[in-house]
PDB file of N, CA and C in Angstrom:
ATOM      1  N   MET A   1      -8.435  -8.643  -5.576  1.00  0.00           N
ATOM      2  CA  MET A   1      -7.632  -7.441  -5.630  1.00  0.00           C
ATOM      3  C   MET A   1      -8.002  -6.580  -6.834  1.00  0.00           C
ATOM      4  N   SER A   2      -8.416  -7.212  -7.955  1.00  0.00           N
ATOM      5  CA  SER A   2      -8.757  -6.422  -9.133  1.00  0.00           C
ATOM      6  C   SER A   2      -9.979  -5.550  -8.896  1.00  0.00           C
ATOM      7  N   SER A   3     -10.922  -6.019  -8.067  1.00  0.00           N
ATOM      8  CA  SER A   3     -12.082  -5.180  -7.770  1.00  0.00           C
ATOM      9  C   SER A   3     -11.669  -3.954  -6.971  1.00  0.00           C
ATOM     10  N   LEU A   4     -10.633  -4.086  -6.160  1.00  0.00           N
ATOM     11  CA  LEU A   4     -10.142  -2.940  -5.407  1.00  0.00           C
ATOM     12  C   LEU A   4      -9.549  -1.899  -6.349  1.00  0.00           C
ATOM     13  N   VAL A   5      -8.916  -2.358  -7.419  1.00  0.00           N
ATOM     14  CA  VAL A   5      -8.355  -1.431  -8.396  1.00  0.00           C
ATOM     15  C   VAL A   5      -9.480  -0.645  -9.070  1.00  0.00           C
ATOM     16  N   VAL A   6     -10.570  -1.325  -9.395  1.00  0.00           N
ATOM     17  CA  VAL A   6     -11.716  -0.647  -9.998  1.00  0.00           C
ATOM     18  C   VAL A   6     -12.284   0.366  -9.024  1.00  0.00           C
ATOM     19  N   VAL A   7     -12.438  -0.047  -7.764  1.00  0.00           N
ATOM     20  CA  VAL A   7     -12.945   0.854  -6.737  1.00  0.00           C
ATOM     21  C   VAL A   7     -12.004   2.043  -6.585  1.00  0.00           C
ATOM     22  N   ALA A   8     -10.698   1.798  -6.662  1.00  0.00           N
ATOM     23  CA  ALA A   8      -9.723   2.876  -6.534  1.00  0.00           C
ATOM     24  C   ALA A   8      -9.922   3.918  -7.628  1.00  0.00           C
ATOM     25  N   GLY A   9     -10.110   3.455  -8.851  1.00  0.00           N
ATOM     26  CA  GLY A   9     -10.325   4.387  -9.949  1.00  0.00           C
ATOM     27  C   GLY A   9     -11.583   5.199  -9.761  1.00  0.00           C
ATOM     28  N   VAL A  10     -12.625   4.556  -9.307  1.00  0.00           N
ATOM     29  CA  VAL A  10     -13.890   5.248  -9.071  1.00  0.00           C
ATOM     30  C   VAL A  10     -13.716   6.288  -7.974  1.00  0.00           C
ATOM     31  N   LEU A  11     -13.072   5.908  -6.873  1.00  0.00           N
ATOM     32  CA  LEU A  11     -12.896   6.834  -5.763  1.00  0.00           C
ATOM     33  C   LEU A  11     -12.054   8.032  -6.166  1.00  0.00           C
ATOM     34  N   VAL A  12     -10.973   7.777  -6.874  1.00  0.00           N
ATOM     35  CA  VAL A  12     -10.120   8.886  -7.298  1.00  0.00           C
ATOM     36  C   VAL A  12     -10.914   9.840  -8.180  1.00  0.00           C
ATOM     37  N   THR A  13     -11.714   9.291  -9.089  1.00  0.00           N
ATOM     38  CA  THR A  13     -12.535  10.134  -9.956  1.00  0.00           C
ATOM     39  C   THR A  13     -13.529  10.942  -9.152  1.00  0.00           C
ATOM     40  N   LEU A  14     -14.209  10.288  -8.207  1.00  0.00           N
ATOM     41  CA  LEU A  14     -15.209  10.985  -7.397  1.00  0.00           C
ATOM     42  C   LEU A  14     -14.581  12.054  -6.521  1.00  0.00           C
ATOM     43  N   LEU A  15     -13.459  11.725  -5.891  1.00  0.00           N
ATOM     44  CA  LEU A  15     -12.820  12.685  -4.999  1.00  0.00           C
ATOM     45  C   LEU A  15     -12.232  13.864  -5.775  1.00  0.00           C
ATOM     46  N   ALA A  16     -11.831  13.616  -7.005  1.00  0.00           N
ATOM     47  CA  ALA A  16     -11.266  14.684  -7.817  1.00  0.00           C
ATOM     48  C   ALA A  16     -12.347  15.542  -8.454  1.00  0.00           C
ATOM     49  N   GLY A  17     -13.588  15.136  -8.304  1.00  0.00           N
ATOM     50  CA  GLY A  17     -14.678  15.905  -8.868  1.00  0.00           C
ATOM     51  C   GLY A  17     -14.902  15.631 -10.342  1.00  0.00           C
ATOM     52  N   GLY A  18     -14.330  14.546 -10.850  1.00  0.00           N
ATOM     53  CA  GLY A  18     -14.460  14.232 -12.260  1.00  0.00           C
ATOM     54  C   GLY A  18     -15.778  13.607 -12.626  1.00  0.00           C
ATOM     55  N   ALA A  19     -16.525  13.128 -11.672  1.00  0.00           N
ATOM     56  CA  ALA A  19     -17.803  12.490 -11.971  1.00  0.00           C
ATOM     57  C   ALA A  19     -18.903  13.528 -11.840  1.00  0.00           C
ATOM     58  N   GLY A  20     -19.201  14.162 -12.926  1.00  0.00           N
ATOM     59  CA  GLY A  20     -20.221  15.202 -12.912  1.00  0.00           C
ATOM     60  C   GLY A  20     -21.595  14.617 -13.151  1.00  0.00           C
ATOM     61  N   ALA A  21     -22.494  15.485 -13.470  1.00  0.00           N
ATOM     62  CA  ALA A  21     -23.857  15.047 -13.736  1.00  0.00           C
ATOM     63  C   ALA A  21     -23.896  14.267 -15.034  1.00  0.00           C
ATOM     64  N   GLY A  22     -24.736  13.254 -15.073  1.00  0.00           N
ATOM     65  CA  GLY A  22     -24.909  12.432 -16.261  1.00  0.00           C
ATOM     66  C   GLY A  22     -25.915  13.071 -17.178  1.00  0.00           C
ATOM     67  N   PRO A  23     -26.393  12.277 -18.150  1.00  0.00           N
ATOM     68  CA  PRO A  23     -27.405  12.802 -19.050  1.00  0.00           C
ATOM     69  C   PRO A  23     -28.636  13.264 -18.269  1.00  0.00           C
ATOM     70  N   ARG A  24     -29.262  14.296 -18.747  1.00  0.00           N
ATOM     71  CA  ARG A  24     -30.458  14.858 -18.108  1.00  0.00           C
ATOM     72  C   ARG A  24     -30.167  15.418 -16.719  1.00  0.00           C
ATOM     73  N   GLY A  25     -28.910  15.732 -16.422  1.00  0.00           N
ATOM     74  CA  GLY A  25     -28.572  16.362 -15.153  1.00  0.00           C
ATOM     75  C   GLY A  25     -28.592  15.457 -13.941  1.00  0.00           C
ATOM     76  N   GLN A  26     -28.684  14.144 -14.147  1.00  0.00           N
ATOM     77  CA  GLN A  26     -28.718  13.227 -13.009  1.00  0.00           C
ATOM     78  C   GLN A  26     -27.304  12.867 -12.591  1.00  0.00           C
ATOM     79  N   ARG A  27     -27.095  12.791 -11.279  1.00  0.00           N
ATOM     80  CA  ARG A  27     -25.796  12.370 -10.753  1.00  0.00           C
ATOM     81  C   ARG A  27     -25.710  10.858 -10.821  1.00  0.00           C
ATOM     82  N   PRO A  28     -24.517  10.301 -11.079  1.00  0.00           N
ATOM     83  CA  PRO A  28     -24.377   8.847 -11.105  1.00  0.00           C
ATOM     84  C   PRO A  28     -24.586   8.265  -9.716  1.00  0.00           C
ATOM     85  N   ALA A  29     -24.969   7.001  -9.662  1.00  0.00           N
ATOM     86  CA  ALA A  29     -25.169   6.324  -8.379  1.00  0.00           C
ATOM     87  C   ALA A  29     -23.844   6.246  -7.629  1.00  0.00           C
ATOM     88  N   ALA A  30     -23.911   6.402  -6.312  1.00  0.00           N
ATOM     89  CA  ALA A  30     -22.711   6.316  -5.485  1.00  0.00           C
ATOM     90  C   ALA A  30     -22.175   4.888  -5.497  1.00  0.00           C
ATOM     91  N   ARG A  31     -20.866   4.740  -5.541  1.00  0.00           N
ATOM     92  CA  ARG A  31     -20.218   3.433  -5.469  1.00  0.00           C
ATOM     93  C   ARG A  31     -20.073   3.054  -4.004  1.00  0.00           C
ATOM     94  N   VAL A  32     -20.020   1.747  -3.753  1.00  0.00           N
ATOM     95  CA  VAL A  32     -19.967   1.247  -2.384  1.00  0.00           C
ATOM     96  C   VAL A  32     -18.813   0.263  -2.242  1.00  0.00           C
ATOM     97  N   TYR A  33     -18.106   0.343  -1.128  1.00  0.00           N
ATOM     98  CA  TYR A  33     -17.057  -0.612  -0.769  1.00  0.00           C
ATOM     99  C   TYR A  33     -17.544  -1.368   0.458  1.00  0.00           C
ATOM    100  N   VAL A  34     -17.506  -2.688   0.398  1.00  0.00           N
ATOM    101  CA  VAL A  34     -17.908  -3.503   1.549  1.00  0.00           C
ATOM    102  C   VAL A  34     -16.661  -3.816   2.359  1.00  0.00           C
ATOM    103  N   VAL A  35     -16.678  -3.431   3.632  1.00  0.00           N
ATOM    104  CA  VAL A  35     -15.542  -3.613   4.529  1.00  0.00           C
ATOM    105  C   VAL A  35     -15.324  -5.103   4.789  1.00  0.00           C
ATOM    106  N   GLY A  36     -14.092  -5.520   4.686  1.00  0.00           N
ATOM    107  CA  GLY A  36     -13.717  -6.906   4.967  1.00  0.00           C
ATOM    108  C   GLY A  36     -13.030  -7.014   6.312  1.00  0.00           C
ATOM    109  N   PRO A  37     -12.830  -8.240   6.795  1.00  0.00           N
ATOM    110  CA  PRO A  37     -12.128  -8.445   8.066  1.00  0.00           C
ATOM    111  C   PRO A  37     -10.730  -7.825   8.013  1.00  0.00           C
ATOM    112  N   GLY A  38     -10.387  -7.075   9.018  1.00  0.00           N
ATOM    113  CA  GLY A  38      -9.070  -6.455   9.102  1.00  0.00           C
ATOM    114  C   GLY A  38      -8.933  -5.144   8.360  1.00  0.00           C
ATOM    115  N   ASP A  39      -9.952  -4.735   7.607  1.00  0.00           N
ATOM    116  CA  ASP A  39      -9.888  -3.459   6.895  1.00  0.00           C
ATOM    117  C   ASP A  39      -9.902  -2.295   7.880  1.00  0.00           C
ATOM    118  N   THR A  40      -9.199  -1.242   7.515  1.00  0.00           N
ATOM    119  CA  THR A  40      -9.230   0.025   8.248  1.00  0.00           C
ATOM    120  C   THR A  40      -9.419   1.139   7.226  1.00  0.00           C
ATOM    121  N   LEU A  41      -9.892   2.286   7.678  1.00  0.00           N
ATOM    122  CA  LEU A  41     -10.009   3.416   6.760  1.00  0.00           C
ATOM    123  C   LEU A  41      -8.658   3.755   6.145  1.00  0.00           C
ATOM    124  N   TRP A  42      -7.630   3.729   6.967  1.00  0.00           N
ATOM    125  CA  TRP A  42      -6.289   4.060   6.494  1.00  0.00           C
ATOM    126  C   TRP A  42      -5.839   3.056   5.437  1.00  0.00           C
ATOM    127  N   GLY A  43      -6.037   1.781   5.694  1.00  0.00           N
ATOM    128  CA  GLY A  43      -5.634   0.749   4.738  1.00  0.00           C
ATOM    129  C   GLY A  43      -6.396   0.848   3.430  1.00  0.00           C
ATOM    130  N   ILE A  44      -7.698   1.099   3.510  1.00  0.00           N
ATOM    131  CA  ILE A  44      -8.506   1.263   2.305  1.00  0.00           C
ATOM    132  C   ILE A  44      -8.007   2.470   1.519  1.00  0.00           C
ATOM    133  N   ALA A  45      -7.779   3.571   2.220  1.00  0.00           N
ATOM    134  CA  ALA A  45      -7.303   4.791   1.562  1.00  0.00           C
ATOM    135  C   ALA A  45      -5.936   4.574   0.920  1.00  0.00           C
ATOM    136  N   GLU A  46      -5.028   3.898   1.613  1.00  0.00           N
ATOM    137  CA  GLU A  46      -3.703   3.619   1.042  1.00  0.00           C
ATOM    138  C   GLU A  46      -3.818   2.798  -0.238  1.00  0.00           C
ATOM    139  N   SER A  47      -4.708   1.821  -0.221  1.00  0.00           N
ATOM    140  CA  SER A  47      -4.908   0.997  -1.421  1.00  0.00           C
ATOM    141  C   SER A  47      -5.450   1.816  -2.576  1.00  0.00           C
ATOM    142  N   LEU A  48      -6.282   2.783  -2.253  1.00  0.00           N
ATOM    143  CA  LEU A  48      -6.915   3.585  -3.288  1.00  0.00           C
ATOM    144  C   LEU A  48      -5.975   4.614  -3.910  1.00  0.00           C
ATOM    145  N   VAL A  49      -5.116   5.213  -3.112  1.00  0.00           N
ATOM    146  CA  VAL A  49      -4.250   6.266  -3.646  1.00  0.00           C
ATOM    147  C   VAL A  49      -2.928   5.735  -4.176  1.00  0.00           C
ATOM    148  N   GLY A  50      -2.557   4.519  -3.814  1.00  0.00           N
ATOM    149  CA  GLY A  50      -1.302   3.941  -4.279  1.00  0.00           C
ATOM    150  C   GLY A  50      -0.116   4.437  -3.480  1.00  0.00           C
ATOM    151  N   PRO A  51       1.068   3.922  -3.816  1.00  0.00           N
ATOM    152  CA  PRO A  51       2.270   4.227  -3.022  1.00  0.00           C
ATOM    153  C   PRO A  51       2.711   5.689  -3.072  1.00  0.00           C
ATOM    154  N   ALA A  52       2.361   6.401  -4.119  1.00  0.00           N
ATOM    155  CA  ALA A  52       2.800   7.795  -4.230  1.00  0.00           C
ATOM    156  C   ALA A  52       1.761   8.786  -3.704  1.00  0.00           C
ATOM    157  N   GLY A  53       0.566   8.295  -3.381  1.00  0.00           N
ATOM    158  CA  GLY A  53      -0.510   9.184  -2.961  1.00  0.00           C
ATOM    159  C   GLY A  53      -0.539   9.414  -1.462  1.00  0.00           C
ATOM    160  N   ASP A  54      -1.244  10.435  -1.061  1.00  0.00           N
ATOM    161  CA  ASP A  54      -1.428  10.776   0.354  1.00  0.00           C
ATOM    162  C   ASP A  54      -2.804  10.276   0.789  1.00  0.00           C
ATOM    163  N   PRO A  55      -2.870   9.276   1.671  1.00  0.00           N
ATOM    164  CA  PRO A  55      -4.160   8.718   2.071  1.00  0.00           C
ATOM    165  C   PRO A  55      -4.969   9.605   3.012  1.00  0.00           C
ATOM    166  N   ARG A  56      -4.353  10.612   3.615  1.00  0.00           N
ATOM    167  CA  ARG A  56      -5.054  11.402   4.627  1.00  0.00           C
ATOM    168  C   ARG A  56      -6.333  12.062   4.123  1.00  0.00           C
ATOM    169  N   PRO A  57      -6.337  12.731   2.961  1.00  0.00           N
ATOM    170  CA  PRO A  57      -7.603  13.329   2.519  1.00  0.00           C
ATOM    171  C   PRO A  57      -8.666  12.284   2.189  1.00  0.00           C
ATOM    172  N   VAL A  58      -8.240  11.113   1.736  1.00  0.00           N
ATOM    173  CA  VAL A  58      -9.196  10.049   1.424  1.00  0.00           C
ATOM    174  C   VAL A  58      -9.804   9.504   2.713  1.00  0.00           C
ATOM    175  N   VAL A  59      -8.982   9.321   3.740  1.00  0.00           N
ATOM    176  CA  VAL A  59      -9.493   8.880   5.044  1.00  0.00           C
ATOM    177  C   VAL A  59     -10.516   9.884   5.563  1.00  0.00           C
ATOM    178  N   ASP A  60     -10.169  11.159   5.503  1.00  0.00           N
ATOM    179  CA  ASP A  60     -11.091  12.211   5.969  1.00  0.00           C
ATOM    180  C   ASP A  60     -12.398  12.180   5.191  1.00  0.00           C
ATOM    181  N   ARG A  61     -12.312  12.030   3.882  1.00  0.00           N
ATOM    182  CA  ARG A  61     -13.511  12.020   3.038  1.00  0.00           C
ATOM    183  C   ARG A  61     -14.364  10.786   3.325  1.00  0.00           C
ATOM    184  N   LEU A  62     -13.743   9.601   3.425  1.00  0.00           N
ATOM    185  CA  LEU A  62     -14.488   8.380   3.738  1.00  0.00           C
ATOM    186  C   LEU A  62     -15.201   8.502   5.078  1.00  0.00           C
ATOM    187  N   ALA A  63     -14.493   9.019   6.077  1.00  0.00           N
ATOM    188  CA  ALA A  63     -15.096   9.175   7.407  1.00  0.00           C
ATOM    189  C   ALA A  63     -16.250  10.165   7.367  1.00  0.00           C
ATOM    190  N   SER A  64     -16.084  11.262   6.661  1.00  0.00           N
ATOM    191  CA  SER A  64     -17.119  12.282   6.590  1.00  0.00           C
ATOM    192  C   SER A  64     -18.354  11.784   5.842  1.00  0.00           C
ATOM    193  N   VAL A  65     -18.157  11.251   4.654  1.00  0.00           N
ATOM    194  CA  VAL A  65     -19.268  10.788   3.822  1.00  0.00           C
ATOM    195  C   VAL A  65     -20.058   9.679   4.521  1.00  0.00           C
ATOM    196  N   ASN A  66     -19.346   8.827   5.282  1.00  0.00           N
ATOM    197  CA  ASN A  66     -19.989   7.668   5.901  1.00  0.00           C
ATOM    198  C   ASN A  66     -20.283   7.852   7.386  1.00  0.00           C
ATOM    199  N   ARG A  67     -20.045   9.070   7.875  1.00  0.00           N
ATOM    200  CA  ARG A  67     -20.289   9.380   9.286  1.00  0.00           C
ATOM    201  C   ARG A  67     -19.624   8.369  10.225  1.00  0.00           C
ATOM    202  N   VAL A  68     -18.357   8.080   9.933  1.00  0.00           N
ATOM    203  CA  VAL A  68     -17.579   7.149  10.748  1.00  0.00           C
ATOM    204  C   VAL A  68     -16.988   7.925  11.911  1.00  0.00           C
ATOM    205  N   ARG A  69     -17.228   7.429  13.115  1.00  0.00           N
ATOM    206  CA  ARG A  69     -16.691   8.077  14.317  1.00  0.00           C
ATOM    207  C   ARG A  69     -15.489   7.297  14.815  1.00  0.00           C
ATOM    208  N   ASP A  70     -14.464   8.012  15.188  1.00  0.00           N
ATOM    209  CA  ASP A  70     -13.247   7.431  15.751  1.00  0.00           C
ATOM    210  C   ASP A  70     -12.597   6.408  14.828  1.00  0.00           C
ATOM    211  N   GLY A  71     -12.892   6.461  13.532  1.00  0.00           N
ATOM    212  CA  GLY A  71     -12.268   5.567  12.565  1.00  0.00           C
ATOM    213  C   GLY A  71     -12.697   4.114  12.663  1.00  0.00           C
ATOM    214  N   VAL A  72     -13.775   3.838  13.398  1.00  0.00           N
ATOM    215  CA  VAL A  72     -14.200   2.454  13.616  1.00  0.00           C
ATOM    216  C   VAL A  72     -15.132   2.001  12.496  1.00  0.00           C
ATOM    217  N   ILE A  73     -14.685   0.971  11.755  1.00  0.00           N
ATOM    218  CA  ILE A  73     -15.513   0.329  10.735  1.00  0.00           C
ATOM    219  C   ILE A  73     -15.560  -1.160  11.034  1.00  0.00           C
ATOM    220  N   ARG A  74     -16.600  -1.829  10.542  1.00  0.00           N
ATOM    221  CA  ARG A  74     -16.804  -3.241  10.851  1.00  0.00           C
ATOM    222  C   ARG A  74     -16.982  -4.049   9.574  1.00  0.00           C
ATOM    223  N   PRO A  75     -16.523  -5.324   9.568  1.00  0.00           N
ATOM    224  CA  PRO A  75     -16.729  -6.180   8.401  1.00  0.00           C
ATOM    225  C   PRO A  75     -18.209  -6.226   8.023  1.00  0.00           C
ATOM    226  N   GLY A  76     -18.455  -6.141   6.736  1.00  0.00           N
ATOM    227  CA  GLY A  76     -19.815  -6.138   6.217  1.00  0.00           C
ATOM    228  C   GLY A  76     -20.407  -4.746   6.068  1.00  0.00           C
ATOM    229  N   GLN A  77     -19.810  -3.768   6.720  1.00  0.00           N
ATOM    230  CA  GLN A  77     -20.291  -2.388   6.606  1.00  0.00           C
ATOM    231  C   GLN A  77     -20.069  -1.891   5.185  1.00  0.00           C
ATOM    232  N   GLU A  78     -21.014  -1.159   4.651  1.00  0.00           N
ATOM    233  CA  GLU A  78     -20.878  -0.580   3.327  1.00  0.00           C
ATOM    234  C   GLU A  78     -20.442   0.866   3.444  1.00  0.00           C
ATOM    235  N   LEU A  79     -19.352   1.193   2.772  1.00  0.00           N
ATOM    236  CA  LEU A  79     -18.841   2.564   2.758  1.00  0.00           C
ATOM    237  C   LEU A  79     -19.136   3.188   1.406  1.00  0.00           C
ATOM    238  N   ARG A  80     -19.812   4.329   1.406  1.00  0.00           N
ATOM    239  CA  ARG A  80     -20.014   5.086   0.174  1.00  0.00           C
ATOM    240  C   ARG A  80     -18.704   5.729  -0.218  1.00  0.00           C
ATOM    241  N   LEU A  81     -18.383   5.667  -1.486  1.00  0.00           N
ATOM    242  CA  LEU A  81     -17.126   6.204  -1.958  1.00  0.00           C
ATOM    243  C   LEU A  81     -17.271   7.564  -2.618  1.00  0.00           C
ATOM    244  N   GLY A  82     -18.455   8.090  -2.650  1.00  0.00           N
ATOM    245  CA  GLY A  82     -18.654   9.393  -3.270  1.00  0.00           C
ATOM    246  C   GLY A  82     -19.667  10.202  -2.503  1.00  0.00           C
ATOM    247  N   PRO A  83     -19.914  11.391  -3.007  1.00  0.00           N
ATOM    248  CA  PRO A  83     -20.843  12.294  -2.315  1.00  0.00           C
ATOM    249  C   PRO A  83     -22.243  11.778  -2.153  1.00  0.00           C
TER     250      PRO A  83
END
């Protein structure tokens, strides 16, 4: 669960646009979440935004960045968490 918290912080930073270019103008490497059994985009997004957050924009962003169709993800699939 603690790794999910780290991933949550990274995703929130990336989605908020806080992760800008690094030294020499290079963008940081994209973070990856490995889908586990029973995971859904909605569940991942809810975990990332917490109880007070709205998971809908995160679901939309995850689906768009990862070209997920119909919300279908599979265990072992790697989801990019940033642009």
